[in-house]
């Protein structure tokens, strides 16, 4: 369900947090360094329709080929989770309920997977 004004409110909140120094998004170079040199994992997000998740499969294959299974995670809408739960290219597939719902649960699931390594 979409709520009018939610996206602009989220964007304004993000910009405020960034300006005040509460968050510091990474640059593209920092992301490259973390993945290439520090062994960081990659989370592919397809939080909308089934077609979007299917279009992510070539990306998942490429990441798997270059990084290995244990570093590739996939966030997908909960109704489609069963399609990806046992995918051999993924360390884990996590279901999301929507744009901004259940972010705490998603963070907990990803953190638990990282701590298991």
Protein backbone atom coordinates (compact mmCIF):
# COMPACT_ATOMS: atom_id res chain seq x y z
CA UNK A 1 0.00 0.00 0.00
CA UNK A 2 1.35 3.42 -0.90
CA UNK A 3 0.84 6.37 1.37
CA UNK A 4 0.85 9.83 -0.23
CA UNK A 5 3.93 11.75 0.79
CA UNK A 6 5.85 8.77 2.21
CA UNK A 7 8.64 8.81 -0.39
CA UNK A 8 9.29 12.57 -0.11
CA UNK A 9 9.22 12.28 3.70
CA UNK A 10 11.72 9.40 3.59
CA UNK A 11 13.98 11.39 1.24
CA UNK A 12 13.83 14.49 3.43
CA UNK A 13 14.58 12.41 6.55
CA UNK A 14 17.59 10.78 4.82
CA UNK A 15 18.94 14.15 3.70
CA UNK A 16 18.57 15.56 7.21
CA UNK A 17 20.41 12.60 8.75
CA UNK A 18 23.16 12.96 6.17
CA UNK A 19 23.56 16.70 6.72
CA UNK A 20 23.74 16.30 10.49
CA UNK A 21 26.34 13.54 10.22
CA UNK A 22 24.10 10.81 11.70
CA UNK A 23 24.64 8.68 8.58
CA UNK A 24 27.46 8.65 6.04
CA UNK A 25 26.56 6.83 2.81
CA UNK A 26 29.52 5.28 1.03
CA UNK A 27 30.89 6.54 -2.24
CA UNK A 28 31.19 4.17 -5.19
CA UNK A 29 34.93 3.91 -4.55
CA UNK A 30 34.37 2.94 -0.91
CA UNK A 31 31.93 0.24 -2.05
CA UNK A 32 34.43 -1.12 -4.58
CA UNK A 33 37.17 -1.23 -1.97
CA UNK A 34 34.98 -2.97 0.60
CA UNK A 35 33.95 -5.67 -1.86
CA UNK A 36 37.26 -6.16 -3.66
CA UNK A 37 39.73 -5.77 -0.81
CA UNK A 38 37.85 -6.28 2.44
CA UNK A 39 35.59 -9.17 1.45
CA UNK A 40 32.27 -7.41 2.12
CA UNK A 41 29.08 -9.10 1.05
CA UNK A 42 26.61 -7.77 -1.47
CA UNK A 43 22.85 -7.46 -0.93
CA UNK A 44 20.71 -7.42 -4.07
CA UNK A 45 17.32 -5.81 -3.42
CA UNK A 46 14.20 -6.55 -5.46
CA UNK A 47 11.46 -5.27 -3.18
CA UNK A 48 8.77 -4.75 -5.79
CA UNK A 49 7.22 -7.14 -8.33
CA UNK A 50 8.03 -10.70 -9.35
CA UNK A 51 9.38 -9.57 -12.71
CA UNK A 52 11.91 -7.33 -10.99
CA UNK A 53 13.21 -10.23 -8.94
CA UNK A 54 13.51 -12.39 -12.06
CA UNK A 55 15.44 -9.65 -13.83
CA UNK A 56 17.95 -9.72 -10.95
CA UNK A 57 18.96 -13.33 -11.62
CA UNK A 58 21.71 -12.50 -14.17
CA UNK A 59 23.19 -10.09 -11.62
CA UNK A 60 23.02 -12.77 -8.94
CA UNK A 61 24.79 -15.23 -11.26
CA UNK A 62 27.55 -12.72 -12.03
CA UNK A 63 28.06 -11.87 -8.35
CA UNK A 64 28.14 -15.57 -7.48
CA UNK A 65 30.72 -16.23 -10.19
CA UNK A 66 33.00 -13.41 -8.99
CA UNK A 67 32.44 -13.36 -5.24
CA UNK A 68 31.22 -16.82 -4.31
CA UNK A 69 27.96 -17.90 -2.74
CA UNK A 70 28.71 -16.84 0.84
CA UNK A 71 28.92 -13.15 -0.08
CA UNK A 72 25.69 -12.79 -2.10
CA UNK A 73 22.39 -12.05 -0.34
CA UNK A 74 18.99 -11.30 -1.86
CA UNK A 75 16.09 -9.26 -0.47
CA UNK A 76 12.86 -10.13 -2.23
CA UNK A 77 9.15 -9.62 -1.55
CA UNK A 78 7.88 -12.27 0.86
CA UNK A 79 5.37 -13.83 -1.59
CA UNK A 80 8.28 -14.73 -3.91
CA UNK A 81 10.74 -15.84 -1.23
CA UNK A 82 10.18 -19.56 -1.82
CA UNK A 83 11.45 -19.17 -5.40
CA UNK A 84 14.87 -18.10 -4.09
CA UNK A 85 15.18 -19.69 -0.63
CA UNK A 86 17.19 -22.71 -1.87
CA UNK A 87 19.01 -20.97 -4.72
CA UNK A 88 22.57 -22.39 -4.73
CA UNK A 89 23.97 -19.03 -5.82
CA UNK A 90 22.83 -17.23 -2.65
CA UNK A 91 24.08 -17.24 0.91
CA UNK A 92 20.54 -16.32 1.87
CA UNK A 93 17.29 -14.94 0.56
CA UNK A 94 15.34 -12.71 2.94
CA UNK A 95 11.69 -11.79 2.54
CA UNK A 96 10.60 -8.17 2.83
CA UNK A 97 7.02 -7.01 3.31
CA UNK A 98 7.24 -3.72 1.44
CA UNK A 99 9.13 -0.50 1.02
CA UNK A 100 9.70 0.49 4.63
CA UNK A 101 7.99 -2.29 6.60
CA UNK A 102 9.99 -4.76 8.64
CA UNK A 103 13.41 -3.17 8.17
CA UNK A 104 14.41 -4.25 11.68
CA UNK A 105 13.66 -7.88 10.82
CA UNK A 106 15.66 -7.65 7.61
CA UNK A 107 18.63 -6.13 9.45
CA UNK A 108 18.48 -8.90 12.06
CA UNK A 109 18.39 -11.62 9.40
CA UNK A 110 21.35 -10.17 7.49
CA UNK A 111 23.34 -9.56 10.68
CA UNK A 112 22.74 -13.14 11.84
CA UNK A 113 24.05 -14.48 8.52
CA UNK A 114 27.16 -12.31 8.68
CA UNK A 115 27.89 -13.39 12.27
CA UNK A 116 27.70 -17.06 11.25
CA UNK A 117 30.69 -16.66 8.90
